[in-house]
Amino acid sequence: MIFDAANRVAQDAGFGPFVHDESPEHCGKGEGRCRLLSGTATDGVQWVYLSIQDRALDPTGDAVDEAEDFGWPHASIGLGYGQTVVRAESSGEFRRAMQAFVGLARPEATTSD
């Protein structure tokens, strides 16, 4: 329901719909409920990231233990915004250069640890 409302707002603002991240490791077996749902809506230059988390849905209990260790809330909604900044005089060149990447799947995420 939250993602439906977010989709309407994002699309009204000129973004595409939220594309859900795949996160089966965060979902309970056969319950259809995930402890972490996230997705991104973009217009190609700017993006909005939305995450909804309920650590109590982790059947192992590890997510709640982690929250306790770090003082994090058990349930949260996160919202992030970002954009690629390009000088106005370079915007046409930037858009032409980015066309080769439109529609491609995002690469696997990496971490610095």
PDB file of N, CA and C in Angstrom:
ATOM      1  N   MET A   1       0.809  -1.176   0.000  1.00  0.00           N
ATOM      2  CA  MET A   1       0.000   0.000   0.000  1.00  0.00           C
ATOM      3  C   MET A   1       0.868   1.262   0.000  1.00  0.00           C
ATOM      4  N   ILE A   2       1.960   1.272   0.758  1.00  0.00           N
ATOM      5  CA  ILE A   2       2.847   2.430   0.787  1.00  0.00           C
ATOM      6  C   ILE A   2       3.505   2.615  -0.575  1.00  0.00           C
ATOM      7  N   PHE A   3       3.927   1.500  -1.201  1.00  0.00           N
ATOM      8  CA  PHE A   3       4.546   1.618  -2.520  1.00  0.00           C
ATOM      9  C   PHE A   3       3.534   2.100  -3.560  1.00  0.00           C
ATOM     10  N   ASP A   4       2.268   1.723  -3.432  1.00  0.00           N
ATOM     11  CA  ASP A   4       1.244   2.209  -4.362  1.00  0.00           C
ATOM     12  C   ASP A   4       1.105   3.722  -4.261  1.00  0.00           C
ATOM     13  N   ALA A   5       1.035   4.229  -3.047  1.00  0.00           N
ATOM     14  CA  ALA A   5       0.929   5.677  -2.840  1.00  0.00           C
ATOM     15  C   ALA A   5       2.189   6.379  -3.336  1.00  0.00           C
ATOM     16  N   ALA A   6       3.355   5.797  -3.052  1.00  0.00           N
ATOM     17  CA  ALA A   6       4.617   6.389  -3.503  1.00  0.00           C
ATOM     18  C   ALA A   6       4.688   6.415  -5.029  1.00  0.00           C
ATOM     19  N   ASN A   7       4.189   5.367  -5.683  1.00  0.00           N
ATOM     20  CA  ASN A   7       4.166   5.340  -7.150  1.00  0.00           C
ATOM     21  C   ASN A   7       3.337   6.489  -7.706  1.00  0.00           C
ATOM     22  N   ARG A   8       2.177   6.734  -7.118  1.00  0.00           N
ATOM     23  CA  ARG A   8       1.320   7.819  -7.605  1.00  0.00           C
ATOM     24  C   ARG A   8       2.031   9.162  -7.467  1.00  0.00           C
ATOM     25  N   VAL A   9       2.635   9.401  -6.328  1.00  0.00           N
ATOM     26  CA  VAL A   9       3.333  10.664  -6.097  1.00  0.00           C
ATOM     27  C   VAL A   9       4.529  10.793  -7.045  1.00  0.00           C
ATOM     28  N   ALA A  10       5.303   9.722  -7.179  1.00  0.00           N
ATOM     29  CA  ALA A  10       6.480   9.757  -8.054  1.00  0.00           C
ATOM     30  C   ALA A  10       6.076  10.014  -9.498  1.00  0.00           C
ATOM     31  N   GLN A  11       5.056   9.326  -9.969  1.00  0.00           N
ATOM     32  CA  GLN A  11       4.637   9.497 -11.358  1.00  0.00           C
ATOM     33  C   GLN A  11       4.048  10.885 -11.586  1.00  0.00           C
ATOM     34  N   ASP A  12       3.343  11.432 -10.608  1.00  0.00           N
ATOM     35  CA  ASP A  12       2.843  12.804 -10.721  1.00  0.00           C
ATOM     36  C   ASP A  12       3.994  13.805 -10.834  1.00  0.00           C
ATOM     37  N   ALA A  13       5.138  13.458 -10.243  1.00  0.00           N
ATOM     38  CA  ALA A  13       6.309  14.331 -10.285  1.00  0.00           C
ATOM     39  C   ALA A  13       7.191  14.074 -11.507  1.00  0.00           C
ATOM     40  N   GLY A  14       6.780  13.146 -12.382  1.00  0.00           N
ATOM     41  CA  GLY A  14       7.534  12.891 -13.604  1.00  0.00           C
ATOM     42  C   GLY A  14       8.506  11.731 -13.534  1.00  0.00           C
ATOM     43  N   PHE A  15       8.487  10.976 -12.438  1.00  0.00           N
ATOM     44  CA  PHE A  15       9.335   9.795 -12.307  1.00  0.00           C
ATOM     45  C   PHE A  15       8.601   8.581 -12.863  1.00  0.00           C
ATOM     46  N   GLY A  16       9.356   7.524 -13.143  1.00  0.00           N
ATOM     47  CA  GLY A  16       8.755   6.245 -13.488  1.00  0.00           C
ATOM     48  C   GLY A  16       8.282   5.575 -12.212  1.00  0.00           C
ATOM     49  N   PRO A  17       7.677   4.403 -12.332  1.00  0.00           N
ATOM     50  CA  PRO A  17       7.222   3.690 -11.134  1.00  0.00           C
ATOM     51  C   PRO A  17       8.416   3.151 -10.336  1.00  0.00           C
ATOM     52  N   PHE A  18       8.176   2.855  -9.078  1.00  0.00           N
ATOM     53  CA  PHE A  18       9.217   2.246  -8.258  1.00  0.00           C
ATOM     54  C   PHE A  18       9.491   0.836  -8.757  1.00  0.00           C
ATOM     55  N   VAL A  19      10.752   0.535  -8.930  1.00  0.00           N
ATOM     56  CA  VAL A  19      11.191  -0.811  -9.298  1.00  0.00           C
ATOM     57  C   VAL A  19      11.715  -1.442  -8.018  1.00  0.00           C
ATOM     58  N   HIS A  20      11.081  -2.537  -7.613  1.00  0.00           N
ATOM     59  CA  HIS A  20      11.456  -3.207  -6.365  1.00  0.00           C
ATOM     60  C   HIS A  20      12.800  -3.908  -6.514  1.00  0.00           C
ATOM     61  N   ASP A  21      13.610  -3.774  -5.477  1.00  0.00           N
ATOM     62  CA  ASP A  21      14.853  -4.533  -5.411  1.00  0.00           C
ATOM     63  C   ASP A  21      14.499  -5.971  -5.070  1.00  0.00           C
ATOM     64  N   GLU A  22      15.239  -6.905  -5.625  1.00  0.00           N
ATOM     65  CA  GLU A  22      15.021  -8.301  -5.270  1.00  0.00           C
ATOM     66  C   GLU A  22      15.737  -8.587  -3.962  1.00  0.00           C
ATOM     67  N   SER A  23      15.004  -9.109  -2.994  1.00  0.00           N
ATOM     68  CA  SER A  23      15.620  -9.377  -1.693  1.00  0.00           C
ATOM     69  C   SER A  23      15.005 -10.609  -1.040  1.00  0.00           C
ATOM     70  N   PRO A  24      15.066 -11.779  -1.705  1.00  0.00           N
ATOM     71  CA  PRO A  24      14.428 -12.963  -1.122  1.00  0.00           C
ATOM     72  C   PRO A  24      15.023 -13.379   0.215  1.00  0.00           C
ATOM     73  N   GLU A  25      16.272 -13.004   0.496  1.00  0.00           N
ATOM     74  CA  GLU A  25      16.862 -13.396   1.771  1.00  0.00           C
ATOM     75  C   GLU A  25      16.197 -12.667   2.937  1.00  0.00           C
ATOM     76  N   HIS A  26      15.444 -11.612   2.659  1.00  0.00           N
ATOM     77  CA  HIS A  26      14.773 -10.860   3.711  1.00  0.00           C
ATOM     78  C   HIS A  26      13.317 -11.304   3.905  1.00  0.00           C
ATOM     79  N   CYS A  27      12.878 -12.276   3.122  1.00  0.00           N
ATOM     80  CA  CYS A  27      11.474 -12.687   3.173  1.00  0.00           C
ATOM     81  C   CYS A  27      11.334 -14.004   3.922  1.00  0.00           C
ATOM     82  N   GLY A  28      10.248 -14.113   4.667  1.00  0.00           N
ATOM     83  CA  GLY A  28       9.957 -15.360   5.359  1.00  0.00           C
ATOM     84  C   GLY A  28       9.542 -16.431   4.364  1.00  0.00           C
ATOM     85  N   LYS A  29       9.729 -17.666   4.695  1.00  0.00           N
ATOM     86  CA  LYS A  29       9.421 -18.775   3.789  1.00  0.00           C
ATOM     87  C   LYS A  29       7.920 -18.926   3.598  1.00  0.00           C
ATOM     88  N   GLY A  30       7.452 -18.704   2.372  1.00  0.00           N
ATOM     89  CA  GLY A  30       6.071 -18.944   2.011  1.00  0.00           C
ATOM     90  C   GLY A  30       5.049 -18.000   2.624  1.00  0.00           C
ATOM     91  N   GLU A  31       5.479 -17.017   3.391  1.00  0.00           N
ATOM     92  CA  GLU A  31       4.528 -16.134   4.048  1.00  0.00           C
ATOM     93  C   GLU A  31       4.152 -14.942   3.186  1.00  0.00           C
ATOM     94  N   GLY A  32       4.946 -14.632   2.176  1.00  0.00           N
ATOM     95  CA  GLY A  32       4.660 -13.491   1.333  1.00  0.00           C
ATOM     96  C   GLY A  32       4.887 -12.155   2.022  1.00  0.00           C
ATOM     97  N   ARG A  33       5.558 -12.189   3.162  1.00  0.00           N
ATOM     98  CA  ARG A  33       5.845 -10.954   3.904  1.00  0.00           C
ATOM     99  C   ARG A  33       7.346 -10.821   4.045  1.00  0.00           C
ATOM    100  N   CYS A  34       7.858  -9.668   3.712  1.00  0.00           N
ATOM    101  CA  CYS A  34       9.297  -9.422   3.792  1.00  0.00           C
ATOM    102  C   CYS A  34       9.587  -8.441   4.912  1.00  0.00           C
ATOM    103  N   ARG A  35      10.703  -8.637   5.565  1.00  0.00           N
ATOM    104  CA  ARG A  35      11.088  -7.693   6.612  1.00  0.00           C
ATOM    105  C   ARG A  35      11.692  -6.438   6.014  1.00  0.00           C
ATOM    106  N   LEU A  36      12.132  -6.503   4.745  1.00  0.00           N
ATOM    107  CA  LEU A  36      12.702  -5.333   4.079  1.00  0.00           C
ATOM    108  C   LEU A  36      12.235  -5.310   2.638  1.00  0.00           C
ATOM    109  N   LEU A  37      11.519  -4.260   2.266  1.00  0.00           N
ATOM    110  CA  LEU A  37      11.128  -4.017   0.883  1.00  0.00           C
ATOM    111  C   LEU A  37      11.753  -2.695   0.474  1.00  0.00           C
ATOM    112  N   SER A  38      12.327  -2.648  -0.710  1.00  0.00           N
ATOM    113  CA  SER A  38      12.920  -1.403  -1.167  1.00  0.00           C
ATOM    114  C   SER A  38      12.785  -1.298  -2.677  1.00  0.00           C
ATOM    115  N   GLY A  39      12.874  -0.083  -3.152  1.00  0.00           N
ATOM    116  CA  GLY A  39      12.780   0.146  -4.588  1.00  0.00           C
ATOM    117  C   GLY A  39      13.196   1.561  -4.931  1.00  0.00           C
ATOM    118  N   THR A  40      13.376   1.786  -6.220  1.00  0.00           N
ATOM    119  CA  THR A  40      13.827   3.077  -6.722  1.00  0.00           C
ATOM    120  C   THR A  40      12.949   3.517  -7.877  1.00  0.00           C
ATOM    121  N   ALA A  41      12.589   4.795  -7.889  1.00  0.00           N
ATOM    122  CA  ALA A  41      11.888   5.422  -9.008  1.00  0.00           C
ATOM    123  C   ALA A  41      12.840   6.453  -9.604  1.00  0.00           C
ATOM    124  N   THR A  42      12.880   6.540 -10.923  1.00  0.00           N
ATOM    125  CA  THR A  42      13.819   7.460 -11.561  1.00  0.00           C
ATOM    126  C   THR A  42      13.204   8.103 -12.796  1.00  0.00           C
ATOM    127  N   ASP A  43      13.775   9.219 -13.165  1.00  0.00           N
ATOM    128  CA  ASP A  43      13.425   9.825 -14.446  1.00  0.00           C
ATOM    129  C   ASP A  43      14.643   9.828 -15.363  1.00  0.00           C
ATOM    130  N   GLY A  44      15.663   9.078 -14.973  1.00  0.00           N
ATOM    131  CA  GLY A  44      16.886   8.973 -15.758  1.00  0.00           C
ATOM    132  C   GLY A  44      18.008   9.860 -15.264  1.00  0.00           C
ATOM    133  N   VAL A  45      17.691  10.924 -14.548  1.00  0.00           N
ATOM    134  CA  VAL A  45      18.707  11.844 -14.040  1.00  0.00           C
ATOM    135  C   VAL A  45      18.602  11.976 -12.523  1.00  0.00           C
ATOM    136  N   GLN A  46      17.419  11.849 -12.004  1.00  0.00           N
ATOM    137  CA  GLN A  46      17.232  11.907 -10.553  1.00  0.00           C
ATOM    138  C   GLN A  46      16.475  10.660 -10.115  1.00  0.00           C
ATOM    139  N   TRP A  47      16.581  10.345  -8.839  1.00  0.00           N
ATOM    140  CA  TRP A  47      15.956   9.127  -8.352  1.00  0.00           C
ATOM    141  C   TRP A  47      15.476   9.327  -6.921  1.00  0.00           C
ATOM    142  N   VAL A  48      14.486   8.509  -6.562  1.00  0.00           N
ATOM    143  CA  VAL A  48      13.966   8.444  -5.198  1.00  0.00           C
ATOM    144  C   VAL A  48      14.046   6.987  -4.773  1.00  0.00           C
ATOM    145  N   TYR A  49      14.605   6.754  -3.600  1.00  0.00           N
ATOM    146  CA  TYR A  49      14.753   5.410  -3.048  1.00  0.00           C
ATOM    147  C   TYR A  49      13.831   5.307  -1.836  1.00  0.00           C
ATOM    148  N   LEU A  50      13.087   4.216  -1.748  1.00  0.00           N
ATOM    149  CA  LEU A  50      12.156   3.996  -0.646  1.00  0.00           C
ATOM    150  C   LEU A  50      12.418   2.621  -0.048  1.00  0.00           C
ATOM    151  N   SER A  51      12.509   2.558   1.268  1.00  0.00           N
ATOM    152  CA  SER A  51      12.637   1.264   1.936  1.00  0.00           C
ATOM    153  C   SER A  51      11.655   1.202   3.108  1.00  0.00           C
ATOM    154  N   ILE A  52      11.102   0.022   3.301  1.00  0.00           N
ATOM    155  CA  ILE A  52      10.169  -0.233   4.396  1.00  0.00           C
ATOM    156  C   ILE A  52      10.705  -1.470   5.114  1.00  0.00           C
ATOM    157  N   GLN A  53      10.938  -1.328   6.407  1.00  0.00           N
ATOM    158  CA  GLN A  53      11.550  -2.428   7.138  1.00  0.00           C
ATOM    159  C   GLN A  53      10.794  -2.715   8.430  1.00  0.00           C
ATOM    160  N   ASP A  54      10.586  -4.001   8.681  1.00  0.00           N
ATOM    161  CA  ASP A  54      10.028  -4.454   9.952  1.00  0.00           C
ATOM    162  C   ASP A  54      10.861  -5.652  10.394  1.00  0.00           C
ATOM    163  N   ARG A  55      11.810  -5.390  11.252  1.00  0.00           N
ATOM    164  CA  ARG A  55      12.754  -6.424  11.678  1.00  0.00           C
ATOM    165  C   ARG A  55      12.073  -7.574  12.428  1.00  0.00           C
ATOM    166  N   ALA A  56      10.899  -7.327  12.973  1.00  0.00           N
ATOM    167  CA  ALA A  56      10.173  -8.381  13.694  1.00  0.00           C
ATOM    168  C   ALA A  56       9.728  -9.499  12.754  1.00  0.00           C
ATOM    169  N   LEU A  57       9.697  -9.251  11.454  1.00  0.00           N
ATOM    170  CA  LEU A  57       9.299 -10.269  10.482  1.00  0.00           C
ATOM    171  C   LEU A  57      10.436 -11.223  10.115  1.00  0.00           C
ATOM    172  N   ASP A  58      11.629 -10.986  10.639  1.00  0.00           N
ATOM    173  CA  ASP A  58      12.758 -11.888  10.378  1.00  0.00           C
ATOM    174  C   ASP A  58      12.558 -13.151  11.215  1.00  0.00           C
ATOM    175  N   PRO A  59      12.317 -14.296  10.560  1.00  0.00           N
ATOM    176  CA  PRO A  59      12.035 -15.520  11.319  1.00  0.00           C
ATOM    177  C   PRO A  59      13.213 -15.998  12.167  1.00  0.00           C
ATOM    178  N   THR A  60      14.434 -15.568  11.857  1.00  0.00           N
ATOM    179  CA  THR A  60      15.598 -15.999  12.628  1.00  0.00           C
ATOM    180  C   THR A  60      15.791 -15.186  13.900  1.00  0.00           C
ATOM    181  N   GLY A  61      15.223 -13.973  13.936  1.00  0.00           N
ATOM    182  CA  GLY A  61      15.436 -13.085  15.074  1.00  0.00           C
ATOM    183  C   GLY A  61      16.723 -12.292  14.985  1.00  0.00           C
ATOM    184  N   ASP A  62      17.566 -12.600  13.985  1.00  0.00           N
ATOM    185  CA  ASP A  62      18.851 -11.903  13.841  1.00  0.00           C
ATOM    186  C   ASP A  62      18.678 -10.407  13.607  1.00  0.00           C
ATOM    187  N   ALA A  63      17.652 -10.014  12.835  1.00  0.00           N
ATOM    188  CA  ALA A  63      17.457  -8.600  12.516  1.00  0.00           C
ATOM    189  C   ALA A  63      17.117  -7.794  13.762  1.00  0.00           C
ATOM    190  N   VAL A  64      16.327  -8.368  14.658  1.00  0.00           N
ATOM    191  CA  VAL A  64      15.989  -7.682  15.910  1.00  0.00           C
ATOM    192  C   VAL A  64      17.233  -7.579  16.784  1.00  0.00           C
ATOM    193  N   ASP A  65      18.008  -8.656  16.861  1.00  0.00           N
ATOM    194  CA  ASP A  65      19.245  -8.628  17.650  1.00  0.00           C
ATOM    195  C   ASP A  65      20.191  -7.547  17.123  1.00  0.00           C
ATOM    196  N   GLU A  66      20.316  -7.452  15.804  1.00  0.00           N
ATOM    197  CA  GLU A  66      21.181  -6.436  15.189  1.00  0.00           C
ATOM    198  C   GLU A  66      20.692  -5.033  15.557  1.00  0.00           C
ATOM    199  N   ALA A  67      19.389  -4.819  15.494  1.00  0.00           N
ATOM    200  CA  ALA A  67      18.825  -3.517  15.849  1.00  0.00           C
ATOM    201  C   ALA A  67      19.132  -3.177  17.306  1.00  0.00           C
ATOM    202  N   GLU A  68      18.997  -4.152  18.171  1.00  0.00           N
ATOM    203  CA  GLU A  68      19.285  -3.927  19.593  1.00  0.00           C
ATOM    204  C   GLU A  68      20.754  -3.566  19.792  1.00  0.00           C
ATOM    205  N   ASP A  69      21.651  -4.277  19.106  1.00  0.00           N
ATOM    206  CA  ASP A  69      23.090  -4.027  19.233  1.00  0.00           C
ATOM    207  C   ASP A  69      23.474  -2.605  18.821  1.00  0.00           C
ATOM    208  N   PHE A  70      22.805  -2.089  17.771  1.00  0.00           N
ATOM    209  CA  PHE A  70      23.175  -0.788  17.219  1.00  0.00           C
ATOM    210  C   PHE A  70      22.230   0.346  17.613  1.00  0.00           C
ATOM    211  N   GLY A  71      21.171   0.022  18.368  1.00  0.00           N
ATOM    212  CA  GLY A  71      20.229   1.054  18.773  1.00  0.00           C
ATOM    213  C   GLY A  71      19.336   1.533  17.636  1.00  0.00           C
ATOM    214  N   TRP A  72      19.081   0.654  16.666  1.00  0.00           N
ATOM    215  CA  TRP A  72      18.233   0.995  15.523  1.00  0.00           C
ATOM    216  C   TRP A  72      16.781   0.693  15.845  1.00  0.00           C
ATOM    217  N   PRO A  73      15.842   1.367  15.185  1.00  0.00           N
ATOM    218  CA  PRO A  73      14.427   1.030  15.391  1.00  0.00           C
ATOM    219  C   PRO A  73      14.107  -0.336  14.786  1.00  0.00           C
ATOM    220  N   HIS A  74      13.102  -0.987  15.325  1.00  0.00           N
ATOM    221  CA  HIS A  74      12.702  -2.292  14.790  1.00  0.00           C
ATOM    222  C   HIS A  74      11.926  -2.147  13.490  1.00  0.00           C
ATOM    223  N   ALA A  75      11.211  -1.038  13.340  1.00  0.00           N
ATOM    224  CA  ALA A  75      10.449  -0.787  12.116  1.00  0.00           C
ATOM    225  C   ALA A  75      10.764   0.628  11.640  1.00  0.00           C
ATOM    226  N   SER A  76      10.881   0.781  10.318  1.00  0.00           N
ATOM    227  CA  SER A  76      11.206   2.105   9.791  1.00  0.00           C
ATOM    228  C   SER A  76      10.797   2.225   8.327  1.00  0.00           C
ATOM    229  N   ILE A  77      10.652   3.452   7.907  1.00  0.00           N
ATOM    230  CA  ILE A  77      10.467   3.794   6.501  1.00  0.00           C
ATOM    231  C   ILE A  77      11.572   4.774   6.167  1.00  0.00           C
ATOM    232  N   GLY A  78      12.338   4.471   5.116  1.00  0.00           N
ATOM    233  CA  GLY A  78      13.432   5.331   4.696  1.00  0.00           C
ATOM    234  C   GLY A  78      13.156   5.903   3.315  1.00  0.00           C
ATOM    235  N   LEU A  79      13.557   7.126   3.116  1.00  0.00           N
ATOM    236  CA  LEU A  79      13.354   7.795   1.841  1.00  0.00           C
ATOM    237  C   LEU A  79      14.628   8.547   1.489  1.00  0.00           C
ATOM    238  N   GLY A  80      15.117   8.337   0.280  1.00  0.00           N
ATOM    239  CA  GLY A  80      16.319   9.028  -0.162  1.00  0.00           C
ATOM    240  C   GLY A  80      16.102   9.634  -1.534  1.00  0.00           C
ATOM    241  N   TYR A  81      16.837  10.680  -1.830  1.00  0.00           N
ATOM    242  CA  TYR A  81      16.736  11.360  -3.122  1.00  0.00           C
ATOM    243  C   TYR A  81      18.141  11.655  -3.617  1.00  0.00           C
ATOM    244  N   GLY A  82      18.341  11.520  -4.897  1.00  0.00           N
ATOM    245  CA  GLY A  82      19.630  11.868  -5.486  1.00  0.00           C
ATOM    246  C   GLY A  82      19.447  12.304  -6.920  1.00  0.00           C
ATOM    247  N   GLN A  83      20.467  12.952  -7.432  1.00  0.00           N
ATOM    248  CA  GLN A  83      20.415  13.386  -8.818  1.00  0.00           C
ATOM    249  C   GLN A  83      21.817  13.506  -9.369  1.00  0.00           C
ATOM    250  N   THR A  84      21.894  13.391 -10.675  1.00  0.00           N
ATOM    251  CA  THR A  84      23.142  13.627 -11.370  1.00  0.00           C
ATOM    252  C   THR A  84      23.147  15.090 -11.781  1.00  0.00           C
ATOM    253  N   VAL A  85      24.174  15.805 -11.399  1.00  0.00           N
ATOM    254  CA  VAL A  85      24.239  17.229 -11.693  1.00  0.00           C
ATOM    255  C   VAL A  85      25.147  17.441 -12.903  1.00  0.00           C
ATOM    256  N   VAL A  86      24.600  18.110 -13.896  1.00  0.00           N
ATOM    257  CA  VAL A  86      25.331  18.400 -15.129  1.00  0.00           C
ATOM    258  C   VAL A  86      25.114  19.870 -15.454  1.00  0.00           C
ATOM    259  N   ARG A  87      26.153  20.548 -15.905  1.00  0.00           N
ATOM    260  CA  ARG A  87      26.004  21.952 -16.288  1.00  0.00           C
ATOM    261  C   ARG A  87      24.985  22.083 -17.407  1.00  0.00           C
ATOM    262  N   ALA A  88      24.197  23.144 -17.377  1.00  0.00           N
ATOM    263  CA  ALA A  88      23.126  23.350 -18.365  1.00  0.00           C
ATOM    264  C   ALA A  88      23.656  23.277 -19.789  1.00  0.00           C
ATOM    265  N   GLU A  89      24.802  23.834 -20.037  1.00  0.00           N
ATOM    266  CA  GLU A  89      25.353  23.832 -21.403  1.00  0.00           C
ATOM    267  C   GLU A  89      25.818  22.443 -21.847  1.00  0.00           C
ATOM    268  N   SER A  90      25.946  21.502 -20.907  1.00  0.00           N
ATOM    269  CA  SER A  90      26.367  20.134 -21.231  1.00  0.00           C
ATOM    270  C   SER A  90      25.217  19.134 -21.182  1.00  0.00           C
ATOM    271  N   SER A  91      24.006  19.583 -20.879  1.00  0.00           N
ATOM    272  CA  SER A  91      22.910  18.636 -20.658  1.00  0.00           C
ATOM    273  C   SER A  91      22.563  17.831 -21.912  1.00  0.00           C
ATOM    274  N   GLY A  92      22.574  18.446 -23.082  1.00  0.00           N
ATOM    275  CA  GLY A  92      22.269  17.707 -24.312  1.00  0.00           C
ATOM    276  C   GLY A  92      23.289  16.611 -24.568  1.00  0.00           C
ATOM    277  N   GLU A  93      24.556  16.928 -24.394  1.00  0.00           N
ATOM    278  CA  GLU A  93      25.627  15.942 -24.575  1.00  0.00           C
ATOM    279  C   GLU A  93      25.492  14.807 -23.553  1.00  0.00           C
ATOM    280  N   PHE A  94      25.172  15.175 -22.317  1.00  0.00           N
ATOM    281  CA  PHE A  94      25.007  14.167 -21.270  1.00  0.00           C
ATOM    282  C   PHE A  94      23.849  13.222 -21.612  1.00  0.00           C
ATOM    283  N   ARG A  95      22.711  13.778 -22.013  1.00  0.00           N
ATOM    284  CA  ARG A  95      21.551  12.934 -22.355  1.00  0.00           C
ATOM    285  C   ARG A  95      21.878  11.991 -23.511  1.00  0.00           C
ATOM    286  N   ARG A  96      22.568  12.476 -24.519  1.00  0.00           N
ATOM    287  CA  ARG A  96      22.959  11.611 -25.651  1.00  0.00           C
ATOM    288  C   ARG A  96      23.885  10.495 -25.174  1.00  0.00           C
ATOM    289  N   ALA A  97      24.836  10.823 -24.322  1.00  0.00           N
ATOM    290  CA  ALA A  97      25.785   9.820 -23.824  1.00  0.00           C
ATOM    291  C   ALA A  97      25.095   8.767 -22.966  1.00  0.00           C
ATOM    292  N   MET A  98      24.072   9.163 -22.207  1.00  0.00           N
ATOM    293  CA  MET A  98      23.382   8.235 -21.302  1.00  0.00           C
ATOM    294  C   MET A  98      22.413   7.314 -22.030  1.00  0.00           C
ATOM    295  N   GLN A  99      22.006   7.627 -23.243  1.00  0.00           N
ATOM    296  CA  GLN A  99      21.025   6.807 -23.956  1.00  0.00           C
ATOM    297  C   GLN A  99      21.479   5.354 -24.104  1.00  0.00           C
ATOM    298  N   ALA A 100      22.763   5.130 -24.213  1.00  0.00           N
ATOM    299  CA  ALA A 100      23.274   3.762 -24.356  1.00  0.00           C
ATOM    300  C   ALA A 100      22.982   2.909 -23.113  1.00  0.00           C
ATOM    301  N   PHE A 101      22.708   3.552 -21.980  1.00  0.00           N
ATOM    302  CA  PHE A 101      22.498   2.826 -20.731  1.00  0.00           C
ATOM    303  C   PHE A 101      21.026   2.699 -20.343  1.00  0.00           C
ATOM    304  N   VAL A 102      20.149   3.413 -21.030  1.00  0.00           N
ATOM    305  CA  VAL A 102      18.726   3.386 -20.708  1.00  0.00           C
ATOM    306  C   VAL A 102      18.182   1.975 -20.914  1.00  0.00           C
ATOM    307  N   GLY A 103      17.496   1.457 -19.914  1.00  0.00           N
ATOM    308  CA  GLY A 103      16.882   0.144 -19.996  1.00  0.00           C
ATOM    309  C   GLY A 103      17.773  -1.010 -19.567  1.00  0.00           C
ATOM    310  N   LEU A 104      19.040  -0.771 -19.303  1.00  0.00           N
ATOM    311  CA  LEU A 104      19.929  -1.847 -18.859  1.00  0.00           C
ATOM    312  C   LEU A 104      19.670  -2.165 -17.389  1.00  0.00           C
ATOM    313  N   ALA A 105      19.890  -3.389 -17.013  1.00  0.00           N
ATOM    314  CA  ALA A 105      19.763  -3.798 -15.613  1.00  0.00           C
ATOM    315  C   ALA A 105      20.905  -3.204 -14.810  1.00  0.00           C
ATOM    316  N   ARG A 106      20.595  -2.846 -13.558  1.00  0.00           N
ATOM    317  CA  ARG A 106      21.652  -2.320 -12.690  1.00  0.00           C
ATOM    318  C   ARG A 106      22.615  -3.440 -12.325  1.00  0.00           C
ATOM    319  N   PRO A 107      23.904  -3.116 -12.173  1.00  0.00           N
ATOM    320  CA  PRO A 107      24.859  -4.150 -11.750  1.00  0.00           C
ATOM    321  C   PRO A 107      24.637  -4.520 -10.288  1.00  0.00           C
ATOM    322  N   GLU A 108      25.216  -5.631  -9.885  1.00  0.00           N
ATOM    323  CA  GLU A 108      25.131  -6.059  -8.488  1.00  0.00           C
ATOM    324  C   GLU A 108      25.768  -4.979  -7.599  1.00  0.00           C
ATOM    325  N   ALA A 109      25.183  -4.782  -6.448  1.00  0.00           N
ATOM    326  CA  ALA A 109      25.717  -3.812  -5.500  1.00  0.00           C
ATOM    327  C   ALA A 109      27.040  -4.324  -4.928  1.00  0.00           C
ATOM    328  N   THR A 110      27.873  -3.391  -4.510  1.00  0.00           N
ATOM    329  CA  THR A 110      29.133  -3.732  -3.850  1.00  0.00           C
ATOM    330  C   THR A 110      29.185  -3.014  -2.509  1.00  0.00           C
ATOM    331  N   THR A 111      30.090  -3.447  -1.664  1.00  0.00           N
ATOM    332  CA  THR A 111      30.294  -2.779  -0.387  1.00  0.00           C
ATOM    333  C   THR A 111      31.768  -2.481  -0.233  1.00  0.00           C
ATOM    334  N   SER A 112      32.090  -1.600   0.706  1.00  0.00           N
ATOM    335  CA  SER A 112      33.478  -1.245   0.935  1.00  0.00           C
ATOM    336  C   SER A 112      34.095  -2.040   2.072  1.00  0.00           C
ATOM    337  N   ASP A 113      33.311  -2.926   2.661  1.00  0.00           N
ATOM    338  CA  ASP A 113      33.868  -3.700   3.775  1.00  0.00           C
ATOM    339  C   ASP A 113      34.194  -5.048   3.255  1.00  0.00           C
TER     340      ASP A 113
END
